[in-house]
Amino acid sequence: MSYLLHIDSSSLGEASVSRQVARSFLEGWDGKVVHRDLAAAPVPHISAAGITARVTDPAQHTDEQAAAAAMQDTLIEEFLGAGAYLFTVPMYNLTMPSVFKAWLDQIIVFGHTVNHEGPARVAGRPAVVISARGGSYGPGAPRYGLDYVIPIIEALLGHEDMLGLDVTTVIPELTMAPHTPALAALVPMHEASMADAHDRARALAAKIADGMTTAA
């Protein structure tokens, strides 16, 4: 059984709802976990050196290109080595934390993790994305259509022309309701969303772990 790659991106540490739900997943996971906390140790945003290093003969790399390529190779090796993935990606200003986008830009590399023809090397591997948000963005909500976290992540992680992972989302909503008087009436909906998120996280951990054990 290969390891679970757990990527955190919330800046709130222990107060993060996304991280709290992830802990429920991890409680049900019986196997090795490799954890990378992008809030505590962010990876660099993609640079000119990192981009040009991808298409330059390593023997011709400048020192800057060599350093960028080495860092990228480390992240890609870690990503490719996993058998399953757990991502905590809260909504910040309608989209994902910049540290998570920076990580994606370092590991999504055509010819390495994404192929020009045929499926990606990680295609079909299970991935769980936990994305807490202060409000609600589903059908019928006033802000429906303004979620620029899940649709983008599902495209980058799950589309067959990109990484092709088997992505499942867990979305605890209305996390601001207990802290905002104007949203007090929505606290029961928030509590129900949280309970469902924790239950789904535990169930997904057991299901994915069982599937990986069976396939091994």
N, C-alpha and C. Protein backbone atom coordinates (compact mmCIF):
# COMPACT_ATOMS: atom_id res chain seq x y z
N MET A 1 0.85 -1.20 0.00
CA MET A 1 0.00 0.00 0.00
C MET A 1 0.87 1.23 0.00
N SER A 2 0.73 2.07 -1.00
CA SER A 2 1.53 3.29 -1.09
C SER A 2 1.00 4.32 -0.09
N TYR A 3 1.67 5.45 -0.02
CA TYR A 3 1.31 6.43 1.00
C TYR A 3 0.23 7.40 0.53
N LEU A 4 -0.38 8.05 1.52
CA LEU A 4 -1.32 9.14 1.30
C LEU A 4 -0.54 10.44 1.34
N LEU A 5 -0.65 11.24 0.29
CA LEU A 5 -0.03 12.56 0.28
C LEU A 5 -1.07 13.56 0.77
N HIS A 6 -0.78 14.18 1.90
CA HIS A 6 -1.70 15.12 2.54
C HIS A 6 -1.12 16.53 2.38
N ILE A 7 -1.83 17.35 1.61
CA ILE A 7 -1.39 18.73 1.36
C ILE A 7 -2.34 19.68 2.07
N ASP A 8 -1.82 20.46 3.02
CA ASP A 8 -2.60 21.49 3.70
C ASP A 8 -2.28 22.85 3.10
N SER A 9 -3.31 23.72 3.01
CA SER A 9 -3.05 25.07 2.50
C SER A 9 -3.74 26.16 3.29
N SER A 10 -4.48 25.81 4.34
CA SER A 10 -5.15 26.83 5.15
C SER A 10 -4.16 27.56 6.03
N SER A 11 -4.34 28.87 6.14
CA SER A 11 -3.45 29.70 6.97
C SER A 11 -3.85 29.71 8.44
N LEU A 12 -4.97 29.09 8.81
CA LEU A 12 -5.52 29.23 10.16
C LEU A 12 -5.01 28.18 11.15
N GLY A 13 -4.16 27.28 10.71
CA GLY A 13 -3.64 26.28 11.64
C GLY A 13 -4.75 25.44 12.26
N GLU A 14 -4.67 25.23 13.58
CA GLU A 14 -5.62 24.37 14.26
C GLU A 14 -7.05 24.89 14.20
N ALA A 15 -7.22 26.20 13.97
CA ALA A 15 -8.56 26.79 13.88
C ALA A 15 -9.22 26.53 12.53
N SER A 16 -8.47 26.01 11.59
CA SER A 16 -9.00 25.79 10.24
C SER A 16 -10.04 24.68 10.22
N VAL A 17 -11.23 24.99 9.69
CA VAL A 17 -12.27 23.97 9.57
C VAL A 17 -11.84 22.90 8.57
N SER A 18 -11.20 23.30 7.48
CA SER A 18 -10.73 22.32 6.49
C SER A 18 -9.78 21.32 7.15
N ARG A 19 -8.88 21.81 7.99
CA ARG A 19 -7.94 20.92 8.66
C ARG A 19 -8.66 20.03 9.68
N GLN A 20 -9.66 20.58 10.36
CA GLN A 20 -10.40 19.79 11.34
C GLN A 20 -11.12 18.62 10.66
N VAL A 21 -11.73 18.87 9.52
CA VAL A 21 -12.40 17.79 8.79
C VAL A 21 -11.36 16.79 8.26
N ALA A 22 -10.21 17.30 7.85
CA ALA A 22 -9.14 16.41 7.39
C ALA A 22 -8.69 15.46 8.50
N ARG A 23 -8.71 15.95 9.73
CA ARG A 23 -8.31 15.08 10.84
C ARG A 23 -9.28 13.89 10.98
N SER A 24 -10.56 14.12 10.68
CA SER A 24 -11.51 13.00 10.71
C SER A 24 -11.15 11.97 9.65
N PHE A 25 -10.72 12.45 8.48
CA PHE A 25 -10.26 11.53 7.43
C PHE A 25 -9.05 10.75 7.94
N LEU A 26 -8.10 11.44 8.52
CA LEU A 26 -6.85 10.80 8.95
C LEU A 26 -7.09 9.81 10.08
N GLU A 27 -8.10 10.06 10.92
CA GLU A 27 -8.43 9.12 11.99
C GLU A 27 -8.87 7.78 11.42
N GLY A 28 -9.44 7.80 10.21
CA GLY A 28 -9.88 6.56 9.58
C GLY A 28 -8.89 5.98 8.61
N TRP A 29 -7.71 6.59 8.53
CA TRP A 29 -6.69 6.13 7.57
C TRP A 29 -5.67 5.26 8.27
N ASP A 30 -5.51 4.06 7.83
CA ASP A 30 -4.55 3.13 8.42
C ASP A 30 -3.44 2.89 7.42
N GLY A 31 -2.48 3.76 7.41
CA GLY A 31 -1.38 3.64 6.48
C GLY A 31 -0.44 4.83 6.59
N LYS A 32 0.59 4.82 5.79
CA LYS A 32 1.60 5.87 5.81
C LYS A 32 1.03 7.16 5.24
N VAL A 33 1.39 8.27 5.87
CA VAL A 33 0.98 9.60 5.42
C VAL A 33 2.22 10.48 5.26
N VAL A 34 2.32 11.12 4.10
CA VAL A 34 3.34 12.14 3.87
C VAL A 34 2.62 13.48 3.87
N HIS A 35 3.00 14.35 4.79
CA HIS A 35 2.28 15.61 5.00
C HIS A 35 3.14 16.79 4.56
N ARG A 36 2.53 17.67 3.78
CA ARG A 36 3.20 18.92 3.39
C ARG A 36 2.25 20.07 3.73
N ASP A 37 2.70 20.95 4.61
CA ASP A 37 1.91 22.10 5.05
C ASP A 37 2.39 23.33 4.30
N LEU A 38 1.63 23.74 3.30
CA LEU A 38 2.05 24.85 2.45
C LEU A 38 1.93 26.19 3.13
N ALA A 39 1.09 26.27 4.18
CA ALA A 39 0.99 27.53 4.92
C ALA A 39 2.24 27.73 5.79
N ALA A 40 2.72 26.65 6.39
CA ALA A 40 3.91 26.74 7.24
C ALA A 40 5.19 26.81 6.43
N ALA A 41 5.22 26.13 5.29
CA ALA A 41 6.42 26.09 4.44
C ALA A 41 5.99 26.19 2.98
N PRO A 42 5.63 27.40 2.53
CA PRO A 42 5.14 27.56 1.16
C PRO A 42 6.22 27.26 0.13
N VAL A 43 5.79 26.69 -1.00
CA VAL A 43 6.72 26.51 -2.11
C VAL A 43 6.71 27.80 -2.93
N PRO A 44 7.78 28.08 -3.66
CA PRO A 44 7.84 29.32 -4.45
C PRO A 44 6.81 29.31 -5.58
N HIS A 45 6.33 30.49 -5.91
CA HIS A 45 5.52 30.61 -7.12
C HIS A 45 6.42 30.32 -8.32
N ILE A 46 5.81 29.85 -9.39
CA ILE A 46 6.59 29.49 -10.57
C ILE A 46 7.33 30.72 -11.09
N SER A 47 8.58 30.52 -11.48
CA SER A 47 9.44 31.61 -11.92
C SER A 47 9.90 31.37 -13.35
N ALA A 48 10.52 32.38 -13.93
CA ALA A 48 11.08 32.22 -15.27
C ALA A 48 12.11 31.09 -15.29
N ALA A 49 12.90 31.00 -14.22
CA ALA A 49 13.91 29.93 -14.16
C ALA A 49 13.25 28.56 -14.13
N GLY A 50 12.14 28.45 -13.37
CA GLY A 50 11.45 27.17 -13.29
C GLY A 50 10.81 26.78 -14.61
N ILE A 51 10.27 27.76 -15.32
CA ILE A 51 9.63 27.47 -16.61
C ILE A 51 10.67 27.10 -17.66
N THR A 52 11.72 27.88 -17.77
CA THR A 52 12.73 27.62 -18.81
C THR A 52 13.54 26.36 -18.51
N ALA A 53 13.66 26.01 -17.23
CA ALA A 53 14.40 24.79 -16.89
C ALA A 53 13.73 23.55 -17.48
N ARG A 54 12.40 23.60 -17.65
CA ARG A 54 11.66 22.46 -18.17
C ARG A 54 12.02 22.16 -19.63
N VAL A 55 12.45 23.17 -20.36
CA VAL A 55 12.70 22.99 -21.81
C VAL A 55 14.17 23.24 -22.16
N THR A 56 15.03 23.23 -21.16
CA THR A 56 16.45 23.45 -21.38
C THR A 56 17.24 22.21 -20.98
N ASP A 57 18.21 21.84 -21.77
CA ASP A 57 19.08 20.70 -21.45
C ASP A 57 19.67 20.93 -20.05
N PRO A 58 19.51 19.96 -19.13
CA PRO A 58 20.07 20.14 -17.78
C PRO A 58 21.54 20.52 -17.77
N ALA A 59 22.28 20.07 -18.77
CA ALA A 59 23.71 20.42 -18.82
C ALA A 59 23.92 21.90 -19.07
N GLN A 60 22.88 22.58 -19.58
CA GLN A 60 22.97 24.00 -19.88
C GLN A 60 22.28 24.87 -18.84
N HIS A 61 21.81 24.27 -17.76
CA HIS A 61 21.09 25.03 -16.74
C HIS A 61 21.99 26.06 -16.06
N THR A 62 21.43 27.24 -15.83
CA THR A 62 22.09 28.19 -14.95
C THR A 62 21.91 27.71 -13.51
N ASP A 63 22.61 28.33 -12.57
CA ASP A 63 22.45 27.95 -11.17
C ASP A 63 20.99 28.13 -10.73
N GLU A 64 20.37 29.20 -11.18
CA GLU A 64 18.98 29.48 -10.81
C GLU A 64 18.04 28.42 -11.40
N GLN A 65 18.28 28.04 -12.65
CA GLN A 65 17.46 27.00 -13.27
C GLN A 65 17.67 25.65 -12.57
N ALA A 66 18.90 25.34 -12.22
CA ALA A 66 19.19 24.07 -11.56
C ALA A 66 18.49 23.99 -10.21
N ALA A 67 18.49 25.09 -9.46
CA ALA A 67 17.83 25.11 -8.15
C ALA A 67 16.31 24.96 -8.31
N ALA A 68 15.76 25.66 -9.30
CA ALA A 68 14.30 25.58 -9.54
C ALA A 68 13.92 24.18 -9.98
N ALA A 69 14.71 23.56 -10.84
CA ALA A 69 14.43 22.21 -11.33
C ALA A 69 14.54 21.19 -10.20
N ALA A 70 15.51 21.34 -9.32
CA ALA A 70 15.69 20.41 -8.21
C ALA A 70 14.51 20.47 -7.26
N MET A 71 14.05 21.67 -6.96
CA MET A 71 12.90 21.82 -6.08
C MET A 71 11.65 21.21 -6.72
N GLN A 72 11.46 21.48 -8.01
CA GLN A 72 10.32 20.95 -8.74
C GLN A 72 10.38 19.42 -8.79
N ASP A 73 11.54 18.87 -9.03
CA ASP A 73 11.70 17.41 -9.09
C ASP A 73 11.33 16.76 -7.76
N THR A 74 11.70 17.42 -6.65
CA THR A 74 11.36 16.90 -5.33
C THR A 74 9.85 16.84 -5.13
N LEU A 75 9.17 17.92 -5.50
CA LEU A 75 7.71 17.97 -5.35
C LEU A 75 7.02 16.96 -6.26
N ILE A 76 7.51 16.83 -7.49
CA ILE A 76 6.91 15.89 -8.44
C ILE A 76 7.12 14.45 -7.99
N GLU A 77 8.31 14.13 -7.53
CA GLU A 77 8.58 12.77 -7.04
C GLU A 77 7.67 12.42 -5.88
N GLU A 78 7.48 13.37 -4.97
CA GLU A 78 6.59 13.17 -3.82
C GLU A 78 5.15 12.96 -4.29
N PHE A 79 4.74 13.74 -5.28
CA PHE A 79 3.38 13.63 -5.82
C PHE A 79 3.17 12.30 -6.53
N LEU A 80 4.09 11.91 -7.38
CA LEU A 80 3.95 10.68 -8.15
C LEU A 80 4.03 9.44 -7.28
N GLY A 81 4.71 9.53 -6.16
CA GLY A 81 4.90 8.37 -5.29
C GLY A 81 3.68 8.00 -4.47
N ALA A 82 2.70 8.90 -4.41
CA ALA A 82 1.52 8.65 -3.58
C ALA A 82 0.52 7.76 -4.31
N GLY A 83 -0.24 7.01 -3.51
CA GLY A 83 -1.31 6.20 -4.06
C GLY A 83 -2.67 6.85 -3.89
N ALA A 84 -2.74 7.86 -3.02
CA ALA A 84 -3.98 8.59 -2.77
C ALA A 84 -3.61 9.97 -2.25
N TYR A 85 -4.58 10.88 -2.30
CA TYR A 85 -4.30 12.28 -1.99
C TYR A 85 -5.40 12.88 -1.12
N LEU A 86 -4.98 13.72 -0.17
CA LEU A 86 -5.90 14.48 0.67
C LEU A 86 -5.46 15.94 0.62
N PHE A 87 -6.34 16.79 0.10
CA PHE A 87 -6.05 18.21 -0.04
C PHE A 87 -7.01 19.03 0.80
N THR A 88 -6.50 19.93 1.63
CA THR A 88 -7.36 20.89 2.31
C THR A 88 -7.17 22.24 1.63
N VAL A 89 -8.24 22.71 1.01
CA VAL A 89 -8.16 23.91 0.17
C VAL A 89 -9.37 24.81 0.48
N PRO A 90 -9.29 25.64 1.51
CA PRO A 90 -10.42 26.50 1.85
C PRO A 90 -10.62 27.58 0.79
N MET A 91 -11.81 28.19 0.82
CA MET A 91 -12.08 29.30 -0.08
C MET A 91 -11.57 30.60 0.53
N TYR A 92 -10.69 31.29 -0.18
CA TYR A 92 -10.23 32.63 0.19
C TYR A 92 -10.61 33.58 -0.94
N ASN A 93 -11.47 34.53 -0.64
CA ASN A 93 -11.87 35.52 -1.66
C ASN A 93 -12.33 34.84 -2.95
N LEU A 94 -13.18 33.85 -2.78
CA LEU A 94 -13.84 33.13 -3.87
C LEU A 94 -12.96 32.12 -4.58
N THR A 95 -11.68 32.02 -4.23
CA THR A 95 -10.81 31.08 -4.92
C THR A 95 -9.89 30.36 -3.94
N MET A 96 -8.94 29.61 -4.45
CA MET A 96 -8.05 28.82 -3.61
C MET A 96 -6.93 29.68 -3.02
N PRO A 97 -6.34 29.27 -1.88
CA PRO A 97 -5.18 29.97 -1.36
C PRO A 97 -4.05 29.99 -2.39
N SER A 98 -3.34 31.09 -2.45
CA SER A 98 -2.29 31.22 -3.46
C SER A 98 -1.19 30.17 -3.28
N VAL A 99 -0.97 29.72 -2.03
CA VAL A 99 0.08 28.72 -1.80
C VAL A 99 -0.27 27.40 -2.47
N PHE A 100 -1.58 27.08 -2.54
CA PHE A 100 -1.97 25.84 -3.22
C PHE A 100 -1.81 25.97 -4.72
N LYS A 101 -2.17 27.12 -5.26
CA LYS A 101 -1.97 27.34 -6.70
C LYS A 101 -0.49 27.28 -7.04
N ALA A 102 0.36 27.82 -6.17
CA ALA A 102 1.80 27.76 -6.42
C ALA A 102 2.28 26.32 -6.47
N TRP A 103 1.77 25.49 -5.55
CA TRP A 103 2.15 24.07 -5.54
C TRP A 103 1.68 23.39 -6.82
N LEU A 104 0.44 23.65 -7.23
CA LEU A 104 -0.07 23.06 -8.47
C LEU A 104 0.81 23.44 -9.66
N ASP A 105 1.20 24.71 -9.73
CA ASP A 105 2.01 25.15 -10.86
C ASP A 105 3.38 24.48 -10.89
N GLN A 106 3.86 24.05 -9.73
CA GLN A 106 5.16 23.37 -9.69
C GLN A 106 5.03 21.89 -10.08
N ILE A 107 3.88 21.27 -9.79
CA ILE A 107 3.80 19.81 -10.04
C ILE A 107 3.05 19.46 -11.33
N ILE A 108 2.31 20.39 -11.91
CA ILE A 108 1.65 20.10 -13.18
C ILE A 108 2.61 20.46 -14.31
N VAL A 109 3.27 19.46 -14.83
CA VAL A 109 4.31 19.67 -15.84
C VAL A 109 4.06 18.69 -16.99
N PHE A 110 3.80 19.21 -18.15
CA PHE A 110 3.59 18.36 -19.32
C PHE A 110 4.87 17.59 -19.64
N GLY A 111 4.67 16.31 -19.86
CA GLY A 111 5.81 15.44 -20.10
C GLY A 111 6.32 14.77 -18.84
N HIS A 112 5.84 15.21 -17.69
CA HIS A 112 6.25 14.61 -16.41
C HIS A 112 5.03 14.08 -15.66
N THR A 113 4.14 14.96 -15.25
CA THR A 113 2.92 14.53 -14.56
C THR A 113 1.71 14.54 -15.48
N VAL A 114 1.77 15.29 -16.56
CA VAL A 114 0.69 15.36 -17.54
C VAL A 114 1.27 15.01 -18.90
N ASN A 115 0.57 14.17 -19.65
CA ASN A 115 1.06 13.73 -20.95
C ASN A 115 0.36 14.48 -22.07
N HIS A 116 1.08 14.71 -23.14
CA HIS A 116 0.48 15.35 -24.31
C HIS A 116 -0.52 14.41 -24.97
N GLU A 117 -0.25 13.12 -24.90
CA GLU A 117 -1.15 12.12 -25.45
C GLU A 117 -1.32 11.01 -24.42
N GLY A 118 -2.57 10.60 -24.19
CA GLY A 118 -2.82 9.53 -23.25
C GLY A 118 -2.99 10.04 -21.83
N PRO A 119 -3.38 9.15 -20.91
CA PRO A 119 -3.65 9.56 -19.53
C PRO A 119 -2.39 9.92 -18.77
N ALA A 120 -2.57 10.73 -17.74
CA ALA A 120 -1.46 11.10 -16.86
C ALA A 120 -1.01 9.89 -16.05
N ARG A 121 0.19 9.98 -15.51
CA ARG A 121 0.75 8.86 -14.75
C ARG A 121 -0.05 8.55 -13.49
N VAL A 122 -0.75 9.55 -12.95
CA VAL A 122 -1.52 9.34 -11.72
C VAL A 122 -3.00 9.14 -12.00
N ALA A 123 -3.39 9.04 -13.25
CA ALA A 123 -4.80 8.95 -13.62
C ALA A 123 -5.51 7.83 -12.86
N GLY A 124 -6.67 8.15 -12.33
CA GLY A 124 -7.48 7.17 -11.63
C GLY A 124 -7.21 7.04 -10.15
N ARG A 125 -6.12 7.61 -9.66
CA ARG A 125 -5.83 7.52 -8.23
C ARG A 125 -6.83 8.39 -7.46
N PRO A 126 -7.25 7.96 -6.27
CA PRO A 126 -8.27 8.70 -5.52
C PRO A 126 -7.70 9.96 -4.86
N ALA A 127 -8.50 11.01 -4.88
CA ALA A 127 -8.13 12.26 -4.24
C ALA A 127 -9.35 12.86 -3.56
N VAL A 128 -9.18 13.31 -2.33
CA VAL A 128 -10.24 13.96 -1.58
C VAL A 128 -9.85 15.42 -1.37
N VAL A 129 -10.75 16.32 -1.74
CA VAL A 129 -10.53 17.76 -1.57
C VAL A 129 -11.52 18.26 -0.52
N ILE A 130 -10.99 18.77 0.59
CA ILE A 130 -11.82 19.34 1.65
C ILE A 130 -11.72 20.85 1.55
N SER A 131 -12.86 21.50 1.32
CA SER A 131 -12.87 22.94 1.05
C SER A 131 -13.94 23.64 1.87
N ALA A 132 -13.56 24.17 3.03
CA ALA A 132 -14.49 24.92 3.86
C ALA A 132 -14.68 26.32 3.30
N ARG A 133 -15.86 26.88 3.54
CA ARG A 133 -16.13 28.25 3.13
C ARG A 133 -17.11 28.90 4.10
N GLY A 134 -16.97 30.22 4.24
CA GLY A 134 -17.77 30.95 5.22
C GLY A 134 -19.24 31.01 4.90
N GLY A 135 -19.59 30.98 3.60
CA GLY A 135 -20.98 31.04 3.19
C GLY A 135 -21.40 29.77 2.48
N SER A 136 -22.40 29.91 1.61
CA SER A 136 -22.88 28.79 0.82
C SER A 136 -22.91 29.21 -0.64
N TYR A 137 -22.43 28.33 -1.52
CA TYR A 137 -22.30 28.67 -2.93
C TYR A 137 -22.97 27.66 -3.84
N GLY A 138 -23.80 26.80 -3.26
CA GLY A 138 -24.49 25.80 -4.04
C GLY A 138 -25.75 26.33 -4.70
N PRO A 139 -26.43 25.49 -5.49
CA PRO A 139 -27.67 25.90 -6.16
C PRO A 139 -28.68 26.47 -5.17
N GLY A 140 -29.26 27.59 -5.51
CA GLY A 140 -30.25 28.24 -4.67
C GLY A 140 -29.69 29.26 -3.71
N ALA A 141 -28.38 29.22 -3.46
CA ALA A 141 -27.76 30.19 -2.57
C ALA A 141 -27.56 31.52 -3.28
N PRO A 142 -27.61 32.65 -2.56
CA PRO A 142 -27.42 33.96 -3.20
C PRO A 142 -26.11 34.08 -3.96
N ARG A 143 -25.09 33.36 -3.52
CA ARG A 143 -23.78 33.45 -4.18
C ARG A 143 -23.49 32.26 -5.09
N TYR A 144 -24.55 31.57 -5.49
CA TYR A 144 -24.36 30.45 -6.40
C TYR A 144 -23.66 30.93 -7.69
N GLY A 145 -22.66 30.16 -8.11
CA GLY A 145 -21.91 30.51 -9.31
C GLY A 145 -20.63 31.26 -9.03
N LEU A 146 -20.40 31.63 -7.76
CA LEU A 146 -19.19 32.39 -7.42
C LEU A 146 -18.11 31.52 -6.78
N ASP A 147 -18.29 30.22 -6.82
CA ASP A 147 -17.26 29.30 -6.30
C ASP A 147 -16.21 29.09 -7.38
N TYR A 148 -15.03 29.68 -7.16
CA TYR A 148 -13.92 29.50 -8.09
C TYR A 148 -12.81 28.65 -7.47
N VAL A 149 -13.21 27.81 -6.52
CA VAL A 149 -12.28 26.85 -5.93
C VAL A 149 -12.51 25.47 -6.55
N ILE A 150 -13.68 24.90 -6.29
CA ILE A 150 -13.93 23.51 -6.69
C ILE A 150 -13.92 23.32 -8.20
N PRO A 151 -14.59 24.16 -8.99
CA PRO A 151 -14.55 23.91 -10.44
C PRO A 151 -13.14 23.93 -11.02
N ILE A 152 -12.31 24.85 -10.54
CA ILE A 152 -10.94 24.93 -11.05
C ILE A 152 -10.12 23.71 -10.60
N ILE A 153 -10.26 23.36 -9.33
CA ILE A 153 -9.51 22.21 -8.81
C ILE A 153 -9.94 20.92 -9.49
N GLU A 154 -11.26 20.76 -9.69
CA GLU A 154 -11.73 19.56 -10.38
C GLU A 154 -11.20 19.48 -11.81
N ALA A 155 -11.06 20.65 -12.46
CA ALA A 155 -10.51 20.65 -13.82
C ALA A 155 -9.02 20.29 -13.81
N LEU A 156 -8.25 20.89 -12.91
CA LEU A 156 -6.80 20.66 -12.88
C LEU A 156 -6.45 19.27 -12.37
N LEU A 157 -7.13 18.84 -11.31
CA LEU A 157 -6.81 17.54 -10.72
C LEU A 157 -7.51 16.39 -11.42
N GLY A 158 -8.74 16.62 -11.88
CA GLY A 158 -9.55 15.51 -12.32
C GLY A 158 -9.78 15.35 -13.80
N HIS A 159 -9.59 16.40 -14.59
CA HIS A 159 -9.89 16.28 -16.01
C HIS A 159 -8.94 15.29 -16.68
N GLU A 160 -9.47 14.53 -17.62
CA GLU A 160 -8.66 13.49 -18.27
C GLU A 160 -7.49 14.05 -19.05
N ASP A 161 -7.56 15.32 -19.46
CA ASP A 161 -6.45 15.93 -20.17
C ASP A 161 -5.43 16.57 -19.23
N MET A 162 -5.74 16.55 -17.94
CA MET A 162 -4.79 17.09 -16.95
C MET A 162 -4.28 15.92 -16.09
N LEU A 163 -4.47 15.96 -14.76
CA LEU A 163 -3.91 14.91 -13.92
C LEU A 163 -4.79 13.66 -13.88
N GLY A 164 -6.09 13.81 -14.13
CA GLY A 164 -6.96 12.64 -14.23
C GLY A 164 -7.22 11.90 -12.94
N LEU A 165 -7.05 12.57 -11.79
CA LEU A 165 -7.33 11.91 -10.52
C LEU A 165 -8.83 11.68 -10.36
N ASP A 166 -9.19 10.73 -9.53
CA ASP A 166 -10.59 10.46 -9.19
C ASP A 166 -10.93 11.33 -7.98
N VAL A 167 -11.48 12.51 -8.24
CA VAL A 167 -11.63 13.55 -7.22
C VAL A 167 -13.00 13.49 -6.56
N THR A 168 -13.00 13.50 -5.23
CA THR A 168 -14.23 13.63 -4.44
C THR A 168 -14.09 14.88 -3.56
N THR A 169 -15.14 15.69 -3.51
CA THR A 169 -15.08 16.91 -2.71
C THR A 169 -15.93 16.78 -1.45
N VAL A 170 -15.43 17.38 -0.37
CA VAL A 170 -16.15 17.47 0.90
C VAL A 170 -16.18 18.95 1.26
N ILE A 171 -17.38 19.53 1.38
CA ILE A 171 -17.50 20.98 1.48
C ILE A 171 -18.28 21.38 2.73
N PRO A 172 -17.60 21.63 3.85
CA PRO A 172 -18.28 22.19 5.02
C PRO A 172 -18.58 23.68 4.79
N GLU A 173 -19.88 24.04 4.92
CA GLU A 173 -20.31 25.38 4.55
C GLU A 173 -20.72 26.22 5.75
N LEU A 174 -20.89 27.51 5.48
CA LEU A 174 -21.45 28.47 6.44
C LEU A 174 -20.61 28.54 7.72
N THR A 175 -19.30 28.45 7.59
CA THR A 175 -18.44 28.46 8.77
C THR A 175 -18.43 29.80 9.50
N MET A 176 -18.92 30.85 8.84
CA MET A 176 -19.00 32.16 9.50
C MET A 176 -20.28 32.33 10.29
N ALA A 177 -21.24 31.42 10.14
CA ALA A 177 -22.53 31.56 10.82
C ALA A 177 -22.41 31.68 12.34
N PRO A 178 -21.55 30.86 13.01
CA PRO A 178 -21.47 30.99 14.46
C PRO A 178 -20.79 32.29 14.93
N HIS A 179 -20.16 33.00 14.02
CA HIS A 179 -19.39 34.18 14.40
C HIS A 179 -19.99 35.49 13.88
N THR A 180 -21.07 35.40 13.12
CA THR A 180 -21.66 36.58 12.49
C THR A 180 -23.13 36.69 12.88
N PRO A 181 -23.49 37.70 13.70
CA PRO A 181 -24.88 37.81 14.15
C PRO A 181 -25.91 37.77 13.02
N ALA A 182 -25.59 38.37 11.88
CA ALA A 182 -26.54 38.41 10.77
C ALA A 182 -26.80 37.02 10.20
N LEU A 183 -25.93 36.06 10.50
CA LEU A 183 -26.08 34.70 9.97
C LEU A 183 -26.54 33.72 11.05
N ALA A 184 -26.94 34.21 12.20
CA ALA A 184 -27.28 33.34 13.32
C ALA A 184 -28.35 32.31 12.96
N ALA A 185 -29.30 32.69 12.11
CA ALA A 185 -30.37 31.76 11.74
C ALA A 185 -29.85 30.57 10.94
N LEU A 186 -28.64 30.71 10.40
CA LEU A 186 -28.08 29.65 9.58
C LEU A 186 -27.19 28.68 10.36
N VAL A 187 -27.04 28.90 11.67
CA VAL A 187 -26.18 28.03 12.48
C VAL A 187 -26.60 26.57 12.39
N PRO A 188 -27.90 26.24 12.46
CA PRO A 188 -28.26 24.82 12.33
C PRO A 188 -27.83 24.21 11.00
N MET A 189 -27.91 24.99 9.92
CA MET A 189 -27.47 24.49 8.62
C MET A 189 -25.96 24.27 8.63
N HIS A 190 -25.24 25.18 9.28
CA HIS A 190 -23.79 25.03 9.39
C HIS A 190 -23.45 23.76 10.18
N GLU A 191 -24.12 23.56 11.29
CA GLU A 191 -23.83 22.40 12.12
C GLU A 191 -24.13 21.10 11.37
N ALA A 192 -25.20 21.09 10.60
CA ALA A 192 -25.52 19.90 9.80
C ALA A 192 -24.46 19.67 8.73
N SER A 193 -24.00 20.75 8.12
CA SER A 193 -22.96 20.64 7.09
C SER A 193 -21.66 20.10 7.69
N MET A 194 -21.33 20.56 8.89
CA MET A 194 -20.11 20.09 9.54
C MET A 194 -20.20 18.62 9.89
N ALA A 195 -21.34 18.21 10.45
CA ALA A 195 -21.50 16.80 10.81
C ALA A 195 -21.41 15.91 9.59
N ASP A 196 -22.03 16.34 8.51
CA ASP A 196 -21.97 15.57 7.27
C ASP A 196 -20.55 15.49 6.72
N ALA A 197 -19.81 16.62 6.80
CA ALA A 197 -18.44 16.65 6.30
C ALA A 197 -17.55 15.68 7.07
N HIS A 198 -17.66 15.67 8.39
CA HIS A 198 -16.85 14.75 9.20
C HIS A 198 -17.21 13.30 8.90
N ASP A 199 -18.51 13.02 8.80
CA ASP A 199 -18.94 11.64 8.50
C ASP A 199 -18.43 11.20 7.13
N ARG A 200 -18.55 12.07 6.13
CA ARG A 200 -18.10 11.72 4.78
C ARG A 200 -16.59 11.51 4.75
N ALA A 201 -15.85 12.35 5.49
CA ALA A 201 -14.39 12.22 5.51
C ALA A 201 -13.97 10.87 6.07
N ARG A 202 -14.60 10.46 7.16
CA ARG A 202 -14.28 9.15 7.75
C ARG A 202 -14.61 8.01 6.79
N ALA A 203 -15.78 8.11 6.16
CA ALA A 203 -16.21 7.06 5.24
C ALA A 203 -15.30 6.98 4.03
N LEU A 204 -14.87 8.12 3.51
CA LEU A 204 -13.98 8.13 2.35
C LEU A 204 -12.62 7.53 2.69
N ALA A 205 -12.12 7.83 3.89
CA ALA A 205 -10.83 7.25 4.30
C ALA A 205 -10.90 5.74 4.31
N ALA A 206 -11.96 5.20 4.89
CA ALA A 206 -12.10 3.75 4.95
C ALA A 206 -12.25 3.15 3.56
N LYS A 207 -13.05 3.80 2.71
CA LYS A 207 -13.27 3.28 1.36
C LYS A 207 -11.99 3.29 0.53
N ILE A 208 -11.25 4.39 0.58
CA ILE A 208 -10.03 4.51 -0.22
C ILE A 208 -8.96 3.55 0.29
N ALA A 209 -8.80 3.49 1.61
CA ALA A 209 -7.81 2.59 2.19
C ALA A 209 -8.11 1.14 1.82
N ASP A 210 -9.38 0.78 1.86
CA ASP A 210 -9.78 -0.59 1.51
C ASP A 210 -9.48 -0.88 0.05
N GLY A 211 -9.78 0.12 -0.82
CA GLY A 211 -9.52 -0.05 -2.23
C GLY A 211 -8.05 -0.21 -2.55
N MET A 212 -7.20 0.55 -1.86
CA MET A 212 -5.76 0.45 -2.09
C MET A 212 -5.21 -0.87 -1.59
N THR A 213 -5.74 -1.35 -0.46
CA THR A 213 -5.29 -2.65 0.08
C THR A 213 -5.68 -3.78 -0.86
N THR A 214 -6.91 -3.70 -1.40
CA THR A 214 -7.39 -4.74 -2.31
C THR A 214 -6.57 -4.77 -3.59
N ALA A 215 -6.18 -3.57 -4.07
CA ALA A 215 -5.44 -3.48 -5.31
C ALA A 215 -3.98 -3.89 -5.16
N ALA A 216 -3.48 -3.85 -3.93
CA ALA A 216 -2.05 -4.12 -3.70
C ALA A 216 -1.72 -5.60 -3.95
